[in-house]
PDB file of N, CA and C in Angstrom:
ATOM      1  N   MET A   1     102.154-105.114  62.003  1.00  0.00           N
ATOM      2  CA  MET A   1     103.031-106.150  61.534  1.00  0.00           C
ATOM      3  C   MET A   1     102.182-107.160  60.749  1.00  0.00           C
ATOM      4  N   LYS A   2     102.543-107.402  59.492  1.00  0.00           N
ATOM      5  CA  LYS A   2     101.795-108.308  58.632  1.00  0.00           C
ATOM      6  C   LYS A   2     102.721-109.445  58.217  1.00  0.00           C
ATOM      7  N   HIS A   3     102.176-110.655  58.165  1.00  0.00           N
ATOM      8  CA  HIS A   3     102.988-111.824  57.802  1.00  0.00           C
ATOM      9  C   HIS A   3     102.154-112.760  56.961  1.00  0.00           C
ATOM     10  N   VAL A   4     102.744-113.298  55.887  1.00  0.00           N
ATOM     11  CA  VAL A   4     102.044-114.210  54.984  1.00  0.00           C
ATOM     12  C   VAL A   4     102.778-115.546  54.956  1.00  0.00           C
ATOM     13  N   ILE A   5     102.004-116.648  55.108  1.00  0.00           N
ATOM     14  CA  ILE A   5     102.580-117.978  55.123  1.00  0.00           C
ATOM     15  C   ILE A   5     101.824-118.847  54.112  1.00  0.00           C
ATOM     16  N   GLN A   6     102.556-119.543  53.250  1.00  0.00           N
ATOM     17  CA  GLN A   6     101.967-120.507  52.347  1.00  0.00           C
ATOM     18  C   GLN A   6     101.438-121.692  53.173  1.00  0.00           C
ATOM     19  N   HIS A   7     100.222-122.196  52.853  1.00  0.00           N
ATOM     20  CA  HIS A   7      99.738-123.300  53.680  1.00  0.00           C
ATOM     21  C   HIS A   7      99.584-124.637  52.963  1.00  0.00           C
ATOM     22  N   GLY A   8      99.288-124.716  51.706  1.00  0.00           N
ATOM     23  CA  GLY A   8      99.234-125.991  50.991  1.00  0.00           C
ATOM     24  C   GLY A   8      98.089-126.912  51.316  1.00  0.00           C
ATOM     25  N   VAL A   9      97.043-126.403  51.977  1.00  0.00           N
ATOM     26  CA  VAL A   9      95.846-127.213  52.271  1.00  0.00           C
ATOM     27  C   VAL A   9      94.625-126.406  51.794  1.00  0.00           C
ATOM     28  N   THR A  10      93.450-126.975  51.972  1.00  0.00           N
ATOM     29  CA  THR A  10      92.240-126.236  51.599  1.00  0.00           C
ATOM     30  C   THR A  10      91.984-125.143  52.641  1.00  0.00           C
ATOM     31  N   GLN A  11      91.166-124.184  52.263  1.00  0.00           N
ATOM     32  CA  GLN A  11      90.827-123.127  53.225  1.00  0.00           C
ATOM     33  C   GLN A  11      90.139-123.720  54.443  1.00  0.00           C
ATOM     34  N   LYS A  12      89.307-124.737  54.214  1.00  0.00           N
ATOM     35  CA  LYS A  12      88.604-125.389  55.332  1.00  0.00           C
ATOM     36  C   LYS A  12      89.604-126.030  56.277  1.00  0.00           C
ATOM     37  N   GLN A  13      90.604-126.732  55.747  1.00  0.00           N
ATOM     38  CA  GLN A  13      91.617-127.361  56.584  1.00  0.00           C
ATOM     39  C   GLN A  13      92.431-126.314  57.354  1.00  0.00           C
ATOM     40  N   ALA A  14      92.753-125.212  56.681  1.00  0.00           N
ATOM     41  CA  ALA A  14      93.513-124.134  57.351  1.00  0.00           C
ATOM     42  C   ALA A  14      92.696-123.562  58.498  1.00  0.00           C
ATOM     43  N   ARG A  15      91.405-123.375  58.269  1.00  0.00           N
ATOM     44  CA  ARG A  15      90.536-122.857  59.327  1.00  0.00           C
ATOM     45  C   ARG A  15      90.465-123.842  60.506  1.00  0.00           C
ATOM     46  N   GLU A  16      90.316-125.128  60.185  1.00  0.00           N
ATOM     47  CA  GLU A  16      90.263-126.145  61.221  1.00  0.00           C
ATOM     48  C   GLU A  16      91.561-126.176  62.027  1.00  0.00           C
ATOM     49  N   ALA A  17      92.696-125.970  61.341  1.00  0.00           N
ATOM     50  CA  ALA A  17      93.983-125.927  62.035  1.00  0.00           C
ATOM     51  C   ALA A  17      94.034-124.764  63.025  1.00  0.00           C
ATOM     52  N   ILE A  18      93.547-123.617  62.607  1.00  0.00           N
ATOM     53  CA  ILE A  18      93.541-122.432  63.492  1.00  0.00           C
ATOM     54  C   ILE A  18      92.624-122.699  64.681  1.00  0.00           C
ATOM     55  N   ASP A  19      91.450-123.258  64.438  1.00  0.00           N
ATOM     56  CA  ASP A  19      90.532-123.572  65.549  1.00  0.00           C
ATOM     57  C   ASP A  19      91.142-124.562  66.525  1.00  0.00           C
ATOM     58  N   ALA A  20      91.801-125.606  65.996  1.00  0.00           N
ATOM     59  CA  ALA A  20      92.423-126.611  66.877  1.00  0.00           C
ATOM     60  C   ALA A  20      93.540-125.996  67.686  1.00  0.00           C
ATOM     61  N   ALA A  21      94.348-125.174  67.077  1.00  0.00           N
ATOM     62  CA  ALA A  21      95.450-124.522  67.785  1.00  0.00           C
ATOM     63  C   ALA A  21      94.941-123.676  68.938  1.00  0.00           C
ATOM     64  N   ILE A  22      93.958-122.854  68.702  1.00  0.00           N
ATOM     65  CA  ILE A  22      93.411-121.985  69.741  1.00  0.00           C
ATOM     66  C   ILE A  22      92.813-122.805  70.860  1.00  0.00           C
ATOM     67  N   LYS A  23      92.113-123.893  70.516  1.00  0.00           N
ATOM     68  CA  LYS A  23      91.527-124.768  71.536  1.00  0.00           C
ATOM     69  C   LYS A  23      92.624-125.344  72.454  1.00  0.00           C
ATOM     70  N   VAL A  24      93.696-125.817  71.863  1.00  0.00           N
ATOM     71  CA  VAL A  24      94.808-126.374  72.645  1.00  0.00           C
ATOM     72  C   VAL A  24      95.464-125.297  73.478  1.00  0.00           C
ATOM     73  N   TYR A  25      95.735-124.135  72.892  1.00  0.00           N
ATOM     74  CA  TYR A  25      96.416-123.059  73.621  1.00  0.00           C
ATOM     75  C   TYR A  25      95.546-122.524  74.739  1.00  0.00           C
ATOM     76  N   SER A  26      94.228-122.536  74.581  1.00  0.00           N
ATOM     77  CA  SER A  26      93.339-122.073  75.643  1.00  0.00           C
ATOM     78  C   SER A  26      93.460-122.972  76.890  1.00  0.00           C
ATOM     79  N   ARG A  27      93.634-124.266  76.661  1.00  0.00           N
ATOM     80  CA  ARG A  27      93.810-125.200  77.772  1.00  0.00           C
ATOM     81  C   ARG A  27      95.238-125.147  78.348  1.00  0.00           C
ATOM     82  N   LYS A  28      96.218-125.037  77.445  1.00  0.00           N
ATOM     83  CA  LYS A  28      97.622-125.115  77.834  1.00  0.00           C
ATOM     84  C   LYS A  28      98.135-123.812  78.474  1.00  0.00           C
ATOM     85  N   PHE A  29      97.617-122.674  78.031  1.00  0.00           N
ATOM     86  CA  PHE A  29      98.110-121.380  78.503  1.00  0.00           C
ATOM     87  C   PHE A  29      96.950-120.464  78.939  1.00  0.00           C
ATOM     88  N   PRO A  30      96.133-120.897  79.914  1.00  0.00           N
ATOM     89  CA  PRO A  30      94.975-120.095  80.310  1.00  0.00           C
ATOM     90  C   PRO A  30      95.350-118.714  80.840  1.00  0.00           C
ATOM     91  N   GLU A  31      96.563-118.593  81.387  1.00  0.00           N
ATOM     92  CA  GLU A  31      96.977-117.299  81.938  1.00  0.00           C
ATOM     93  C   GLU A  31      97.102-116.189  80.868  1.00  0.00           C
ATOM     94  N   TYR A  32      97.181-116.583  79.600  1.00  0.00           N
ATOM     95  CA  TYR A  32      97.254-115.598  78.512  1.00  0.00           C
ATOM     96  C   TYR A  32      95.880-115.289  77.895  1.00  0.00           C
ATOM     97  N   HIS A  33      94.860-115.973  78.358  1.00  0.00           N
ATOM     98  CA  HIS A  33      93.478-115.750  77.908  1.00  0.00           C
ATOM     99  C   HIS A  33      93.369-115.775  76.370  1.00  0.00           C
ATOM    100  N   PRO A  34      93.883-116.795  75.684  1.00  0.00           N
ATOM    101  CA  PRO A  34      93.748-116.842  74.233  1.00  0.00           C
ATOM    102  C   PRO A  34      92.283-117.001  73.833  1.00  0.00           C
ATOM    103  N   LYS A  35      91.884-116.209  72.856  1.00  0.00           N
ATOM    104  CA  LYS A  35      90.515-116.256  72.356  1.00  0.00           C
ATOM    105  C   LYS A  35      90.509-116.073  70.843  1.00  0.00           C
ATOM    106  N   SER A  36      89.488-116.602  70.209  1.00  0.00           N
ATOM    107  CA  SER A  36      89.346-116.357  68.783  1.00  0.00           C
ATOM    108  C   SER A  36      87.851-116.267  68.446  1.00  0.00           C
ATOM    109  N   ARG A  37      87.580-115.535  67.399  1.00  0.00           N
ATOM    110  CA  ARG A  37      86.209-115.508  66.876  1.00  0.00           C
ATOM    111  C   ARG A  37      86.315-115.249  65.375  1.00  0.00           C
ATOM    112  N   TRP A  38      85.469-115.952  64.667  1.00  0.00           N
ATOM    113  CA  TRP A  38      85.442-115.810  63.212  1.00  0.00           C
ATOM    114  C   TRP A  38      84.554-114.634  62.869  1.00  0.00           C
ATOM    115  N   LEU A  39      85.121-113.679  62.122  1.00  0.00           N
ATOM    116  CA  LEU A  39      84.388-112.480  61.702  1.00  0.00           C
ATOM    117  C   LEU A  39      83.575-112.799  60.443  1.00  0.00           C
ATOM    118  N   ASP A  40      84.069-113.692  59.648  1.00  0.00           N
ATOM    119  CA  ASP A  40      83.342-114.236  58.503  1.00  0.00           C
ATOM    120  C   ASP A  40      83.982-115.593  58.175  1.00  0.00           C
ATOM    121  N   LYS A  41      83.646-116.163  57.035  1.00  0.00           N
ATOM    122  CA  LYS A  41      84.075-117.534  56.737  1.00  0.00           C
ATOM    123  C   LYS A  41      85.589-117.719  56.690  1.00  0.00           C
ATOM    124  N   HIS A  42      86.325-116.670  56.366  1.00  0.00           N
ATOM    125  CA  HIS A  42      87.764-116.813  56.169  1.00  0.00           C
ATOM    126  C   HIS A  42      88.595-115.811  56.953  1.00  0.00           C
ATOM    127  N   ARG A  43      87.981-115.106  57.873  1.00  0.00           N
ATOM    128  CA  ARG A  43      88.709-114.072  58.636  1.00  0.00           C
ATOM    129  C   ARG A  43      88.394-114.202  60.120  1.00  0.00           C
ATOM    130  N   ALA A  44      89.448-114.333  60.910  1.00  0.00           N
ATOM    131  CA  ALA A  44      89.290-114.491  62.349  1.00  0.00           C
ATOM    132  C   ALA A  44      90.057-113.392  63.097  1.00  0.00           C
ATOM    133  N   GLU A  45      89.588-113.156  64.290  1.00  0.00           N
ATOM    134  CA  GLU A  45      90.271-112.246  65.202  1.00  0.00           C
ATOM    135  C   GLU A  45      90.749-113.104  66.372  1.00  0.00           C
ATOM    136  N   VAL A  46      92.050-113.010  66.662  1.00  0.00           N
ATOM    137  CA  VAL A  46      92.643-113.820  67.720  1.00  0.00           C
ATOM    138  C   VAL A  46      93.266-112.836  68.712  1.00  0.00           C
ATOM    139  N   SER A  47      93.053-113.084  70.018  1.00  0.00           N
ATOM    140  CA  SER A  47      93.634-112.182  71.011  1.00  0.00           C
ATOM    141  C   SER A  47      94.205-112.966  72.190  1.00  0.00           C
ATOM    142  N   PHE A  48      95.154-112.355  72.866  1.00  0.00           N
ATOM    143  CA  PHE A  48      95.734-112.907  74.073  1.00  0.00           C
ATOM    144  C   PHE A  48      96.314-111.771  74.880  1.00  0.00           C
ATOM    145  N   LYS A  49      96.565-112.031  76.152  1.00  0.00           N
ATOM    146  CA  LYS A  49      97.079-111.009  77.072  1.00  0.00           C
ATOM    147  C   LYS A  49      98.512-111.326  77.434  1.00  0.00           C
ATOM    148  N   VAL A  50      99.340-110.278  77.410  1.00  0.00           N
ATOM    149  CA  VAL A  50     100.738-110.393  77.789  1.00  0.00           C
ATOM    150  C   VAL A  50     101.128-109.153  78.562  1.00  0.00           C
ATOM    151  N   LYS A  51     101.645-109.339  79.762  1.00  0.00           N
ATOM    152  CA  LYS A  51     102.144-108.236  80.618  1.00  0.00           C
ATOM    153  C   LYS A  51     101.139-107.079  80.706  1.00  0.00           C
ATOM    154  N   GLY A  52      99.868-107.433  80.889  1.00  0.00           N
ATOM    155  CA  GLY A  52      98.830-106.419  81.037  1.00  0.00           C
ATOM    156  C   GLY A  52      98.293-105.830  79.755  1.00  0.00           C
ATOM    157  N   PHE A  53      98.820-106.236  78.618  1.00  0.00           N
ATOM    158  CA  PHE A  53      98.361-105.744  77.311  1.00  0.00           C
ATOM    159  C   PHE A  53      97.553-106.834  76.627  1.00  0.00           C
ATOM    160  N   THR A  54      96.477-106.440  75.952  1.00  0.00           N
ATOM    161  CA  THR A  54      95.766-107.395  75.112  1.00  0.00           C
ATOM    162  C   THR A  54      96.242-107.164  73.695  1.00  0.00           C
ATOM    163  N   LEU A  55      96.784-108.215  73.090  1.00  0.00           N
ATOM    164  CA  LEU A  55      97.260-108.164  71.728  1.00  0.00           C
ATOM    165  C   LEU A  55      96.214-108.853  70.826  1.00  0.00           C
ATOM    166  N   THR A  56      95.870-108.212  69.750  1.00  0.00           N
ATOM    167  CA  THR A  56      94.875-108.763  68.858  1.00  0.00           C
ATOM    168  C   THR A  56      95.439-108.856  67.448  1.00  0.00           C
ATOM    169  N   ALA A  57      95.195-109.990  66.820  1.00  0.00           N
ATOM    170  CA  ALA A  57      95.637-110.207  65.438  1.00  0.00           C
ATOM    171  C   ALA A  57      94.439-110.577  64.585  1.00  0.00           C
ATOM    172  N   THR A  58      94.500-110.190  63.327  1.00  0.00           N
ATOM    173  CA  THR A  58      93.499-110.616  62.362  1.00  0.00           C
ATOM    174  C   THR A  58      94.178-111.667  61.481  1.00  0.00           C
ATOM    175  N   ILE A  59      93.486-112.766  61.301  1.00  0.00           N
ATOM    176  CA  ILE A  59      93.994-113.857  60.460  1.00  0.00           C
ATOM    177  C   ILE A  59      93.053-114.040  59.281  1.00  0.00           C
ATOM    178  N   ASN A  60      93.596-113.941  58.074  1.00  0.00           N
ATOM    179  CA  ASN A  60      92.840-114.151  56.859  1.00  0.00           C
ATOM    180  C   ASN A  60      93.314-115.429  56.215  1.00  0.00           C
ATOM    181  N   VAL A  61      92.367-116.327  55.938  1.00  0.00           N
ATOM    182  CA  VAL A  61      92.695-117.598  55.308  1.00  0.00           C
ATOM    183  C   VAL A  61      92.325-117.491  53.839  1.00  0.00           C
ATOM    184  N   HIS A  62      93.353-117.441  52.993  1.00  0.00           N
ATOM    185  CA  HIS A  62      93.169-117.350  51.533  1.00  0.00           C
ATOM    186  C   HIS A  62      93.354-118.748  50.938  1.00  0.00           C
ATOM    187  N   PRO A  63      93.032-118.925  49.677  1.00  0.00           N
ATOM    188  CA  PRO A  63      93.172-120.249  49.070  1.00  0.00           C
ATOM    189  C   PRO A  63      94.572-120.887  49.211  1.00  0.00           C
ATOM    190  N   LYS A  64      95.628-120.077  49.166  1.00  0.00           N
ATOM    191  CA  LYS A  64      96.986-120.643  49.239  1.00  0.00           C
ATOM    192  C   LYS A  64      97.832-120.100  50.391  1.00  0.00           C
ATOM    193  N   THR A  65      97.295-119.079  51.083  1.00  0.00           N
ATOM    194  CA  THR A  65      98.088-118.480  52.149  1.00  0.00           C
ATOM    195  C   THR A  65      97.242-118.205  53.403  1.00  0.00           C
ATOM    196  N   ILE A  66      97.949-118.051  54.512  1.00  0.00           N
ATOM    197  CA  ILE A  66      97.371-117.542  55.731  1.00  0.00           C
ATOM    198  C   ILE A  66      98.076-116.244  56.004  1.00  0.00           C
ATOM    199  N   GLU A  67      97.288-115.193  56.160  1.00  0.00           N
ATOM    200  CA  GLU A  67      97.899-113.875  56.380  1.00  0.00           C
ATOM    201  C   GLU A  67      97.517-113.431  57.802  1.00  0.00           C
ATOM    202  N   SER A  68      98.527-113.101  58.588  1.00  0.00           N
ATOM    203  CA  SER A  68      98.240-112.589  59.917  1.00  0.00           C
ATOM    204  C   SER A  68      98.724-111.149  60.011  1.00  0.00           C
ATOM    205  N   GLU A  69      97.965-110.346  60.707  1.00  0.00           N
ATOM    206  CA  GLU A  69      98.341-108.944  60.881  1.00  0.00           C
ATOM    207  C   GLU A  69      98.075-108.521  62.320  1.00  0.00           C
ATOM    208  N   MET A  70      99.094-107.926  62.922  1.00  0.00           N
ATOM    209  CA  MET A  70      98.996-107.547  64.320  1.00  0.00           C
ATOM    210  C   MET A  70      99.690-106.188  64.505  1.00  0.00           C
ATOM    211  N   ASP A  71      99.023-105.312  65.215  1.00  0.00           N
ATOM    212  CA  ASP A  71      99.662-104.080  65.627  1.00  0.00           C
ATOM    213  C   ASP A  71     100.476-104.409  66.871  1.00  0.00           C
ATOM    214  N   VAL A  72     101.750-104.061  66.833  1.00  0.00           N
ATOM    215  CA  VAL A  72     102.640-104.380  67.951  1.00  0.00           C
ATOM    216  C   VAL A  72     102.902-103.088  68.723  1.00  0.00           C
ATOM    217  N   PRO A  73     102.532-103.077  70.006  1.00  0.00           N
ATOM    218  CA  PRO A  73     102.825-101.891  70.815  1.00  0.00           C
ATOM    219  C   PRO A  73     104.346-101.629  70.868  1.00  0.00           C
ATOM    220  N   PHE A  74     104.709-100.382  71.021  1.00  0.00           N
ATOM    221  CA  PHE A  74     106.107 -99.976  71.045  1.00  0.00           C
ATOM    222  C   PHE A  74     106.926-100.814  72.019  1.00  0.00           C
ATOM    223  N   LEU A  75     106.384-101.090  73.160  1.00  0.00           N
ATOM    224  CA  LEU A  75     107.058-101.877  74.177  1.00  0.00           C
ATOM    225  C   LEU A  75     107.535-103.240  73.685  1.00  0.00           C
ATOM    226  N   PHE A  76     106.768-103.825  72.742  1.00  0.00           N
ATOM    227  CA  PHE A  76     107.065-105.176  72.245  1.00  0.00           C
ATOM    228  C   PHE A  76     107.887-105.182  70.954  1.00  0.00           C
ATOM    229  N   LEU A  77     108.214-104.028  70.400  1.00  0.00           N
ATOM    230  CA  LEU A  77     108.958-103.995  69.124  1.00  0.00           C
ATOM    231  C   LEU A  77     110.271-104.779  69.142  1.00  0.00           C
ATOM    232  N   PRO A  78     111.028-104.786  70.254  1.00  0.00           N
ATOM    233  CA  PRO A  78     112.258-105.561  70.249  1.00  0.00           C
ATOM    234  C   PRO A  78     112.025-107.070  70.075  1.00  0.00           C
ATOM    235  N   PHE A  79     110.822-107.539  70.336  1.00  0.00           N
ATOM    236  CA  PHE A  79     110.513-108.976  70.235  1.00  0.00           C
ATOM    237  C   PHE A  79     109.826-109.349  68.947  1.00  0.00           C
ATOM    238  N   ARG A  80     109.666-108.382  68.037  1.00  0.00           N
ATOM    239  CA  ARG A  80     108.913-108.565  66.808  1.00  0.00           C
ATOM    240  C   ARG A  80     109.427-109.731  65.962  1.00  0.00           C
ATOM    241  N   GLY A  81     110.730-109.808  65.740  1.00  0.00           N
ATOM    242  CA  GLY A  81     111.317-110.886  64.921  1.00  0.00           C
ATOM    243  C   GLY A  81     111.068-112.257  65.529  1.00  0.00           C
ATOM    244  N   ARG A  82     111.249-112.350  66.815  1.00  0.00           N
ATOM    245  CA  ARG A  82     111.022-113.624  67.512  1.00  0.00           C
ATOM    246  C   ARG A  82     109.549-114.004  67.443  1.00  0.00           C
ATOM    247  N   ALA A  83     108.668-113.016  67.622  1.00  0.00           N
ATOM    248  CA  ALA A  83     107.227-113.284  67.567  1.00  0.00           C
ATOM    249  C   ALA A  83     106.852-113.791  66.182  1.00  0.00           C
ATOM    250  N   LEU A  84     107.367-113.187  65.120  1.00  0.00           N
ATOM    251  CA  LEU A  84     107.066-113.648  63.758  1.00  0.00           C
ATOM    252  C   LEU A  84     107.526-115.102  63.577  1.00  0.00           C
ATOM    253  N   LYS A  85     108.682-115.455  64.066  1.00  0.00           N
ATOM    254  CA  LYS A  85     109.187-116.803  63.940  1.00  0.00           C
ATOM    255  C   LYS A  85     108.302-117.809  64.669  1.00  0.00           C
ATOM    256  N   VAL A  86     107.895-117.465  65.892  1.00  0.00           N
ATOM    257  CA  VAL A  86     107.033-118.346  66.680  1.00  0.00           C
ATOM    258  C   VAL A  86     105.707-118.537  65.983  1.00  0.00           C
ATOM    259  N   ILE A  87     105.095-117.437  65.533  1.00  0.00           N
ATOM    260  CA  ILE A  87     103.796-117.518  64.835  1.00  0.00           C
ATOM    261  C   ILE A  87     103.914-118.375  63.600  1.00  0.00           C
ATOM    262  N   GLU A  88     104.921-118.135  62.786  1.00  0.00           N
ATOM    263  CA  GLU A  88     105.093-118.932  61.563  1.00  0.00           C
ATOM    264  C   GLU A  88     105.313-120.408  61.874  1.00  0.00           C
ATOM    265  N   ASP A  89     106.156-120.726  62.845  1.00  0.00           N
ATOM    266  CA  ASP A  89     106.403-122.118  63.211  1.00  0.00           C
ATOM    267  C   ASP A  89     105.107-122.797  63.686  1.00  0.00           C
ATOM    268  N   GLU A  90     104.339-122.105  64.503  1.00  0.00           N
ATOM    269  CA  GLU A  90     103.097-122.685  65.019  1.00  0.00           C
ATOM    270  C   GLU A  90     102.080-122.902  63.900  1.00  0.00           C
ATOM    271  N   ILE A  91     101.933-121.926  63.013  1.00  0.00           N
ATOM    272  CA  ILE A  91     101.003-122.082  61.885  1.00  0.00           C
ATOM    273  C   ILE A  91     101.417-123.278  61.026  1.00  0.00           C
ATOM    274  N   ARG A  92     102.702-123.348  60.720  1.00  0.00           N
ATOM    275  CA  ARG A  92     103.182-124.475  59.898  1.00  0.00           C
ATOM    276  C   ARG A  92     102.946-125.816  60.596  1.00  0.00           C
ATOM    277  N   LYS A  93     103.165-125.881  61.898  1.00  0.00           N
ATOM    278  CA  LYS A  93     102.957-127.135  62.649  1.00  0.00           C
ATOM    279  C   LYS A  93     101.486-127.548  62.554  1.00  0.00           C
ATOM    280  N   TRP A  94     100.554-126.653  62.792  1.00  0.00           N
ATOM    281  CA  TRP A  94      99.126-126.990  62.793  1.00  0.00           C
ATOM    282  C   TRP A  94      98.635-127.289  61.371  1.00  0.00           C
ATOM    283  N   VAL A  95      99.145-126.592  60.376  1.00  0.00           N
ATOM    284  CA  VAL A  95      98.756-126.877  58.997  1.00  0.00           C
ATOM    285  C   VAL A  95      99.261-128.254  58.596  1.00  0.00           C
ATOM    286  N   ALA A  96     100.468-128.612  59.024  1.00  0.00           N
ATOM    287  CA  ALA A  96     101.003-129.951  58.729  1.00  0.00           C
ATOM    288  C   ALA A  96     100.117-131.030  59.346  1.00  0.00           C
ATOM    289  N   ARG A  97      99.615-130.770  60.551  1.00  0.00           N
ATOM    290  CA  ARG A  97      98.713-131.727  61.192  1.00  0.00           C
ATOM    291  C   ARG A  97      97.410-131.850  60.402  1.00  0.00           C
ATOM    292  N   ALA A  98      96.894-130.725  59.910  1.00  0.00           N
ATOM    293  CA  ALA A  98      95.665-130.729  59.111  1.00  0.00           C
ATOM    294  C   ALA A  98      95.924-131.500  57.802  1.00  0.00           C
ATOM    295  N   LYS A  99      97.071-131.269  57.192  1.00  0.00           N
ATOM    296  CA  LYS A  99      97.410-131.926  55.958  1.00  0.00           C
ATOM    297  C   LYS A  99      97.539-133.459  56.149  1.00  0.00           C
ATOM    298  N   ALA A 100      98.010-133.861  57.290  1.00  0.00           N
ATOM    299  CA  ALA A 100      98.174-135.301  57.618  1.00  0.00           C
ATOM    300  C   ALA A 100      96.852-135.951  58.055  1.00  0.00           C
ATOM    301  N   GLY A 101      95.775-135.137  58.107  1.00  0.00           N
ATOM    302  CA  GLY A 101      94.479-135.696  58.477  1.00  0.00           C
ATOM    303  C   GLY A 101      94.287-135.852  59.971  1.00  0.00           C
ATOM    304  N   GLU A 102      95.145-135.202  60.771  1.00  0.00           N
ATOM    305  CA  GLU A 102      95.056-135.328  62.228  1.00  0.00           C
ATOM    306  C   GLU A 102      94.030-134.393  62.862  1.00  0.00           C
ATOM    307  N   ILE A 103      93.505-133.485  62.078  1.00  0.00           N
ATOM    308  CA  ILE A 103      92.538-132.505  62.604  1.00  0.00           C
ATOM    309  C   ILE A 103      91.216-132.676  61.874  1.00  0.00           C
ATOM    310  N   ARG A 104      90.159-132.889  62.643  1.00  0.00           N
ATOM    311  CA  ARG A 104      88.831-133.035  62.083  1.00  0.00           C
ATOM    312  C   ARG A 104      87.893-132.083  62.787  1.00  0.00           C
ATOM    313  N   ALA A 105      87.029-131.453  62.019  1.00  0.00           N
ATOM    314  CA  ALA A 105      86.070-130.494  62.611  1.00  0.00           C
ATOM    315  C   ALA A 105      85.055-131.185  63.473  1.00  0.00           C
TER     316      ALA A 105
END
């Protein structure tokens, strides 16, 4: 499953927004074991656990977009649309905070 979202900030701000989100989610939802690691300057791997499965997504931060890609196990296909909506809403929320200057590295 691949999803592209326009971000309207610099790549650095988009990356800072992703880092801030993962930091908050790690504290807020420790039972899902959210983790992230940057594979290079603009590409991150994000993972979390749900119902015994580890789900991993790759996030690419481009100059104008954030692209997320996740393989969805068959068991979770009925929730795909809802998952896309939640991911997009969260990315937009954190990018808006970065744009407003609320996130600093």
